[in-house]
Amino acid sequence: METVTLSPKFQVVIPREIREALKLTAGEKLRVLRYGDRVEFMPVRTAREMRGFLRGMDTTIEREDDRL
């Protein structure tokens, strides 16, 4: 687990290992979410980039009638 420091301008640097693993680039937009008592950053992806990301998902679950 990495530790970062919040600057006086309320900025943080995302550690290199995490940037590389998530393939983040300079200038990329991130969504910021408050989840309980923590902050989460989610890369904003285009619909084209998201295509196929659910491949292999189990679709045999029971659904409510209005969700078919």
PDB file of N, CA and C in Angstrom:
ATOM      1  N   MET A   1       0.848  -1.174   0.000  1.00  0.00           N
ATOM      2  CA  MET A   1       0.000   0.000   0.000  1.00  0.00           C
ATOM      3  C   MET A   1       0.893   1.237   0.000  1.00  0.00           C
ATOM      4  N   GLU A   2       0.587   2.146  -0.898  1.00  0.00           N
ATOM      5  CA  GLU A   2       1.341   3.383  -1.025  1.00  0.00           C
ATOM      6  C   GLU A   2       0.744   4.469  -0.134  1.00  0.00           C
ATOM      7  N   THR A   3       1.574   5.409   0.266  1.00  0.00           N
ATOM      8  CA  THR A   3       1.124   6.559   1.031  1.00  0.00           C
ATOM      9  C   THR A   3       1.486   7.811   0.254  1.00  0.00           C
ATOM     10  N   VAL A   4       0.553   8.742   0.151  1.00  0.00           N
ATOM     11  CA  VAL A   4       0.808  10.005  -0.527  1.00  0.00           C
ATOM     12  C   VAL A   4       0.535  11.144   0.442  1.00  0.00           C
ATOM     13  N   THR A   5       1.047  12.324   0.114  1.00  0.00           N
ATOM     14  CA  THR A   5       0.866  13.495   0.957  1.00  0.00           C
ATOM     15  C   THR A   5       0.010  14.513   0.225  1.00  0.00           C
ATOM     16  N   LEU A   6      -0.934  15.077   0.910  1.00  0.00           N
ATOM     17  CA  LEU A   6      -1.791  16.111   0.360  1.00  0.00           C
ATOM     18  C   LEU A   6      -1.035  17.436   0.426  1.00  0.00           C
ATOM     19  N   SER A   7      -0.874  18.091  -0.724  1.00  0.00           N
ATOM     20  CA  SER A   7      -0.109  19.343  -0.772  1.00  0.00           C
ATOM     21  C   SER A   7      -0.950  20.500  -0.236  1.00  0.00           C
ATOM     22  N   PRO A   8      -0.319  21.658   0.003  1.00  0.00           N
ATOM     23  CA  PRO A   8      -1.076  22.830   0.442  1.00  0.00           C
ATOM     24  C   PRO A   8      -2.154  23.251  -0.565  1.00  0.00           C
ATOM     25  N   LYS A   9      -1.992  22.855  -1.839  1.00  0.00           N
ATOM     26  CA  LYS A   9      -2.991  23.158  -2.863  1.00  0.00           C
ATOM     27  C   LYS A   9      -3.991  22.001  -3.007  1.00  0.00           C
ATOM     28  N   PHE A  10      -3.989  21.077  -2.058  1.00  0.00           N
ATOM     29  CA  PHE A  10      -4.883  19.915  -2.037  1.00  0.00           C
ATOM     30  C   PHE A  10      -4.660  19.003  -3.249  1.00  0.00           C
ATOM     31  N   GLN A  11      -3.415  18.824  -3.648  1.00  0.00           N
ATOM     32  CA  GLN A  11      -3.057  17.944  -4.750  1.00  0.00           C
ATOM     33  C   GLN A  11      -2.334  16.717  -4.208  1.00  0.00           C
ATOM     34  N   VAL A  12      -2.465  15.598  -4.934  1.00  0.00           N
ATOM     35  CA  VAL A  12      -1.725  14.389  -4.599  1.00  0.00           C
ATOM     36  C   VAL A  12      -1.051  13.873  -5.866  1.00  0.00           C
ATOM     37  N   VAL A  13       0.031  13.129  -5.695  1.00  0.00           N
ATOM     38  CA  VAL A  13       0.703  12.479  -6.819  1.00  0.00           C
ATOM     39  C   VAL A  13       0.365  11.000  -6.743  1.00  0.00           C
ATOM     40  N   ILE A  14      -0.175  10.465  -7.835  1.00  0.00           N
ATOM     41  CA  ILE A  14      -0.488   9.040  -7.892  1.00  0.00           C
ATOM     42  C   ILE A  14       0.830   8.294  -8.121  1.00  0.00           C
ATOM     43  N   PRO A  15       1.185   7.346  -7.263  1.00  0.00           N
ATOM     44  CA  PRO A  15       2.458   6.644  -7.391  1.00  0.00           C
ATOM     45  C   PRO A  15       2.622   5.971  -8.759  1.00  0.00           C
ATOM     46  N   ARG A  16       3.860   5.937  -9.244  1.00  0.00           N
ATOM     47  CA  ARG A  16       4.183   5.396 -10.568  1.00  0.00           C
ATOM     48  C   ARG A  16       3.627   3.990 -10.766  1.00  0.00           C
ATOM     49  N   GLU A  17       3.800   3.126  -9.787  1.00  0.00           N
ATOM     50  CA  GLU A  17       3.338   1.739  -9.904  1.00  0.00           C
ATOM     51  C   GLU A  17       1.837   1.678 -10.216  1.00  0.00           C
ATOM     52  N   ILE A  18       1.066   2.525  -9.562  1.00  0.00           N
ATOM     53  CA  ILE A  18      -0.382   2.551  -9.781  1.00  0.00           C
ATOM     54  C   ILE A  18      -0.702   3.175 -11.138  1.00  0.00           C
ATOM     55  N   ARG A  19      -0.024   4.277 -11.493  1.00  0.00           N
ATOM     56  CA  ARG A  19      -0.245   4.908 -12.805  1.00  0.00           C
ATOM     57  C   ARG A  19       0.029   3.925 -13.930  1.00  0.00           C
ATOM     58  N   GLU A  20       1.114   3.181 -13.821  1.00  0.00           N
ATOM     59  CA  GLU A  20       1.467   2.228 -14.873  1.00  0.00           C
ATOM     60  C   GLU A  20       0.488   1.058 -14.926  1.00  0.00           C
ATOM     61  N   ALA A  21       0.086   0.551 -13.772  1.00  0.00           N
ATOM     62  CA  ALA A  21      -0.842  -0.585 -13.735  1.00  0.00           C
ATOM     63  C   ALA A  21      -2.195  -0.210 -14.340  1.00  0.00           C
ATOM     64  N   LEU A  22      -2.640   1.037 -14.116  1.00  0.00           N
ATOM     65  CA  LEU A  22      -3.930   1.497 -14.640  1.00  0.00           C
ATOM     66  C   LEU A  22      -3.791   2.187 -15.997  1.00  0.00           C
ATOM     67  N   LYS A  23      -2.547   2.283 -16.491  1.00  0.00           N
ATOM     68  CA  LYS A  23      -2.261   2.941 -17.784  1.00  0.00           C
ATOM     69  C   LYS A  23      -2.802   4.362 -17.819  1.00  0.00           C
ATOM     70  N   LEU A  24      -2.582   5.096 -16.714  1.00  0.00           N
ATOM     71  CA  LEU A  24      -3.001   6.490 -16.651  1.00  0.00           C
ATOM     72  C   LEU A  24      -1.966   7.359 -17.358  1.00  0.00           C
ATOM     73  N   THR A  25      -2.430   8.434 -17.987  1.00  0.00           N
ATOM     74  CA  THR A  25      -1.533   9.358 -18.670  1.00  0.00           C
ATOM     75  C   THR A  25      -1.769  10.768 -18.153  1.00  0.00           C
ATOM     76  N   ALA A  26      -0.782  11.633 -18.340  1.00  0.00           N
ATOM     77  CA  ALA A  26      -0.901  13.026 -17.909  1.00  0.00           C
ATOM     78  C   ALA A  26      -2.060  13.687 -18.631  1.00  0.00           C
ATOM     79  N   GLY A  27      -2.856  14.442 -17.914  1.00  0.00           N
ATOM     80  CA  GLY A  27      -3.989  15.136 -18.492  1.00  0.00           C
ATOM     81  C   GLY A  27      -5.268  14.315 -18.545  1.00  0.00           C
ATOM     82  N   GLU A  28      -5.185  13.052 -18.179  1.00  0.00           N
ATOM     83  CA  GLU A  28      -6.376  12.187 -18.207  1.00  0.00           C
ATOM     84  C   GLU A  28      -7.361  12.631 -17.128  1.00  0.00           C
ATOM     85  N   LYS A  29      -8.636  12.552 -17.432  1.00  0.00           N
ATOM     86  CA  LYS A  29      -9.666  12.945 -16.477  1.00  0.00           C
ATOM     87  C   LYS A  29     -10.019  11.765 -15.565  1.00  0.00           C
ATOM     88  N   LEU A  30     -10.241  12.091 -14.286  1.00  0.00           N
ATOM     89  CA  LEU A  30     -10.625  11.096 -13.283  1.00  0.00           C
ATOM     90  C   LEU A  30     -11.876  11.581 -12.572  1.00  0.00           C
ATOM     91  N   ARG A  31     -12.776  10.665 -12.292  1.00  0.00           N
ATOM     92  CA  ARG A  31     -13.936  10.992 -11.469  1.00  0.00           C
ATOM     93  C   ARG A  31     -13.508  10.811 -10.014  1.00  0.00           C
ATOM     94  N   VAL A  32     -13.982  11.705  -9.156  1.00  0.00           N
ATOM     95  CA  VAL A  32     -13.652  11.649  -7.735  1.00  0.00           C
ATOM     96  C   VAL A  32     -14.932  11.359  -6.966  1.00  0.00           C
ATOM     97  N   LEU A  33     -14.890  10.289  -6.190  1.00  0.00           N
ATOM     98  CA  LEU A  33     -16.054   9.864  -5.428  1.00  0.00           C
ATOM     99  C   LEU A  33     -15.739   9.814  -3.943  1.00  0.00           C
ATOM    100  N   ARG A  34     -16.691  10.206  -3.139  1.00  0.00           N
ATOM    101  CA  ARG A  34     -16.579  10.000  -1.697  1.00  0.00           C
ATOM    102  C   ARG A  34     -17.322   8.714  -1.394  1.00  0.00           C
ATOM    103  N   TYR A  35     -16.647   7.761  -0.796  1.00  0.00           N
ATOM    104  CA  TYR A  35     -17.243   6.468  -0.458  1.00  0.00           C
ATOM    105  C   TYR A  35     -17.008   6.253   1.025  1.00  0.00           C
ATOM    106  N   GLY A  36     -18.028   6.570   1.826  1.00  0.00           N
ATOM    107  CA  GLY A  36     -17.855   6.479   3.276  1.00  0.00           C
ATOM    108  C   GLY A  36     -16.845   7.506   3.729  1.00  0.00           C
ATOM    109  N   ASP A  37     -15.777   7.045   4.368  1.00  0.00           N
ATOM    110  CA  ASP A  37     -14.748   7.969   4.855  1.00  0.00           C
ATOM    111  C   ASP A  37     -13.486   7.937   3.989  1.00  0.00           C
ATOM    112  N   ARG A  38     -13.641   7.590   2.719  1.00  0.00           N
ATOM    113  CA  ARG A  38     -12.473   7.561   1.838  1.00  0.00           C
ATOM    114  C   ARG A  38     -12.784   8.241   0.510  1.00  0.00           C
ATOM    115  N   VAL A  39     -11.749   8.531  -0.254  1.00  0.00           N
ATOM    116  CA  VAL A  39     -11.867   9.168  -1.562  1.00  0.00           C
ATOM    117  C   VAL A  39     -11.408   8.161  -2.607  1.00  0.00           C
ATOM    118  N   GLU A  40     -12.187   8.007  -3.694  1.00  0.00           N
ATOM    119  CA  GLU A  40     -11.821   7.088  -4.769  1.00  0.00           C
ATOM    120  C   GLU A  40     -11.726   7.859  -6.075  1.00  0.00           C
ATOM    121  N   PHE A  41     -10.731   7.518  -6.877  1.00  0.00           N
ATOM    122  CA  PHE A  41     -10.538   8.107  -8.192  1.00  0.00           C
ATOM    123  C   PHE A  41     -10.822   7.037  -9.237  1.00  0.00           C
ATOM    124  N   MET A  42     -11.661   7.377 -10.221  1.00  0.00           N
ATOM    125  CA  MET A  42     -11.993   6.433 -11.288  1.00  0.00           C
ATOM    126  C   MET A  42     -11.694   7.082 -12.633  1.00  0.00           C
ATOM    127  N   PRO A  43     -10.873   6.438 -13.467  1.00  0.00           N
ATOM    128  CA  PRO A  43     -10.607   7.004 -14.788  1.00  0.00           C
ATOM    129  C   PRO A  43     -11.891   7.123 -15.598  1.00  0.00           C
ATOM    130  N   VAL A  44     -12.057   8.232 -16.295  1.00  0.00           N
ATOM    131  CA  VAL A  44     -13.195   8.428 -17.193  1.00  0.00           C
ATOM    132  C   VAL A  44     -12.850   7.724 -18.495  1.00  0.00           C
ATOM    133  N   ARG A  45     -13.662   6.781 -18.895  1.00  0.00           N
ATOM    134  CA  ARG A  45     -13.424   6.011 -20.121  1.00  0.00           C
ATOM    135  C   ARG A  45     -14.522   6.306 -21.134  1.00  0.00           C
ATOM    136  N   THR A  46     -14.174   6.311 -22.403  1.00  0.00           N
ATOM    137  CA  THR A  46     -15.167   6.494 -23.459  1.00  0.00           C
ATOM    138  C   THR A  46     -15.933   5.194 -23.644  1.00  0.00           C
ATOM    139  N   ALA A  47     -17.084   5.286 -24.311  1.00  0.00           N
ATOM    140  CA  ALA A  47     -17.881   4.091 -24.589  1.00  0.00           C
ATOM    141  C   ALA A  47     -17.076   3.104 -25.423  1.00  0.00           C
ATOM    142  N   ARG A  48     -16.267   3.599 -26.343  1.00  0.00           N
ATOM    143  CA  ARG A  48     -15.437   2.735 -27.180  1.00  0.00           C
ATOM    144  C   ARG A  48     -14.424   1.954 -26.333  1.00  0.00           C
ATOM    145  N   GLU A  49     -13.829   2.612 -25.353  1.00  0.00           N
ATOM    146  CA  GLU A  49     -12.855   1.939 -24.480  1.00  0.00           C
ATOM    147  C   GLU A  49     -13.527   0.905 -23.580  1.00  0.00           C
ATOM    148  N   MET A  50     -14.799   1.139 -23.232  1.00  0.00           N
ATOM    149  CA  MET A  50     -15.513   0.235 -22.332  1.00  0.00           C
ATOM    150  C   MET A  50     -16.065  -0.991 -23.057  1.00  0.00           C
ATOM    151  N   ARG A  51     -16.077  -0.972 -24.374  1.00  0.00           N
ATOM    152  CA  ARG A  51     -16.642  -2.076 -25.150  1.00  0.00           C
ATOM    153  C   ARG A  51     -15.985  -3.411 -24.769  1.00  0.00           C
ATOM    154  N   GLY A  52     -16.815  -4.373 -24.383  1.00  0.00           N
ATOM    155  CA  GLY A  52     -16.325  -5.707 -24.068  1.00  0.00           C
ATOM    156  C   GLY A  52     -15.805  -5.896 -22.658  1.00  0.00           C
ATOM    157  N   PHE A  53     -15.866  -4.874 -21.800  1.00  0.00           N
ATOM    158  CA  PHE A  53     -15.272  -5.028 -20.471  1.00  0.00           C
ATOM    159  C   PHE A  53     -16.050  -5.986 -19.575  1.00  0.00           C
ATOM    160  N   LEU A  54     -17.284  -6.324 -19.947  1.00  0.00           N
ATOM    161  CA  LEU A  54     -18.065  -7.290 -19.162  1.00  0.00           C
ATOM    162  C   LEU A  54     -18.036  -8.692 -19.763  1.00  0.00           C
ATOM    163  N   ARG A  55     -17.203  -8.892 -20.762  1.00  0.00           N
ATOM    164  CA  ARG A  55     -17.106 -10.201 -21.408  1.00  0.00           C
ATOM    165  C   ARG A  55     -16.808 -11.270 -20.347  1.00  0.00           C
ATOM    166  N   GLY A  56     -17.546 -12.359 -20.411  1.00  0.00           N
ATOM    167  CA  GLY A  56     -17.337 -13.453 -19.464  1.00  0.00           C
ATOM    168  C   GLY A  56     -18.202 -13.354 -18.222  1.00  0.00           C
ATOM    169  N   MET A  57     -19.005 -12.299 -18.120  1.00  0.00           N
ATOM    170  CA  MET A  57     -19.869 -12.124 -16.952  1.00  0.00           C
ATOM    171  C   MET A  57     -20.978 -13.185 -16.957  1.00  0.00           C
ATOM    172  N   ASP A  58     -21.303 -13.713 -15.796  1.00  0.00           N
ATOM    173  CA  ASP A  58     -22.359 -14.721 -15.662  1.00  0.00           C
ATOM    174  C   ASP A  58     -23.710 -14.072 -15.910  1.00  0.00           C
ATOM    175  N   THR A  59     -24.404 -14.472 -16.957  1.00  0.00           N
ATOM    176  CA  THR A  59     -25.707 -13.894 -17.300  1.00  0.00           C
ATOM    177  C   THR A  59     -26.860 -14.838 -16.949  1.00  0.00           C
ATOM    178  N   THR A  60     -26.581 -15.889 -16.200  1.00  0.00           N
ATOM    179  CA  THR A  60     -27.617 -16.866 -15.868  1.00  0.00           C
ATOM    180  C   THR A  60     -28.349 -16.525 -14.579  1.00  0.00           C
ATOM    181  N   ILE A  61     -28.112 -15.366 -14.002  1.00  0.00           N
ATOM    182  CA  ILE A  61     -28.776 -14.997 -12.755  1.00  0.00           C
ATOM    183  C   ILE A  61     -30.264 -14.740 -13.008  1.00  0.00           C
ATOM    184  N   GLU A  62     -31.075 -14.959 -11.987  1.00  0.00           N
ATOM    185  CA  GLU A  62     -32.506 -14.681 -12.109  1.00  0.00           C
ATOM    186  C   GLU A  62     -32.717 -13.178 -12.047  1.00  0.00           C
ATOM    187  N   ARG A  63     -33.607 -12.686 -12.909  1.00  0.00           N
ATOM    188  CA  ARG A  63     -33.893 -11.259 -12.955  1.00  0.00           C
ATOM    189  C   ARG A  63     -35.368 -11.023 -12.691  1.00  0.00           C
ATOM    190  N   GLU A  64     -35.666  -9.838 -12.208  1.00  0.00           N
ATOM    191  CA  GLU A  64     -37.065  -9.463 -12.018  1.00  0.00           C
ATOM    192  C   GLU A  64     -37.693  -9.299 -13.392  1.00  0.00           C
ATOM    193  N   ASP A  65     -39.004  -9.517 -13.481  1.00  0.00           N
ATOM    194  CA  ASP A  65     -39.700  -9.472 -14.772  1.00  0.00           C
ATOM    195  C   ASP A  65     -39.475  -8.176 -15.524  1.00  0.00           C
ATOM    196  N   ASP A  66     -39.401  -7.050 -14.822  1.00  0.00           N
ATOM    197  CA  ASP A  66     -39.252  -5.774 -15.503  1.00  0.00           C
ATOM    198  C   ASP A  66     -37.793  -5.480 -15.893  1.00  0.00           C
ATOM    199  N   ARG A  67     -36.877  -6.408 -15.660  1.00  0.00           N
ATOM    200  CA  ARG A  67     -35.458  -6.209 -15.972  1.00  0.00           C
ATOM    201  C   ARG A  67     -34.973  -7.094 -17.109  1.00  0.00           C
ATOM    202  N   LEU A  68     -35.872  -7.712 -17.866  1.00  0.00           N
ATOM    203  CA  LEU A  68     -35.454  -8.602 -18.948  1.00  0.00           C
ATOM    204  C   LEU A  68     -35.157  -7.857 -20.212  1.00  0.00           C
TER     205      LEU A  68
END
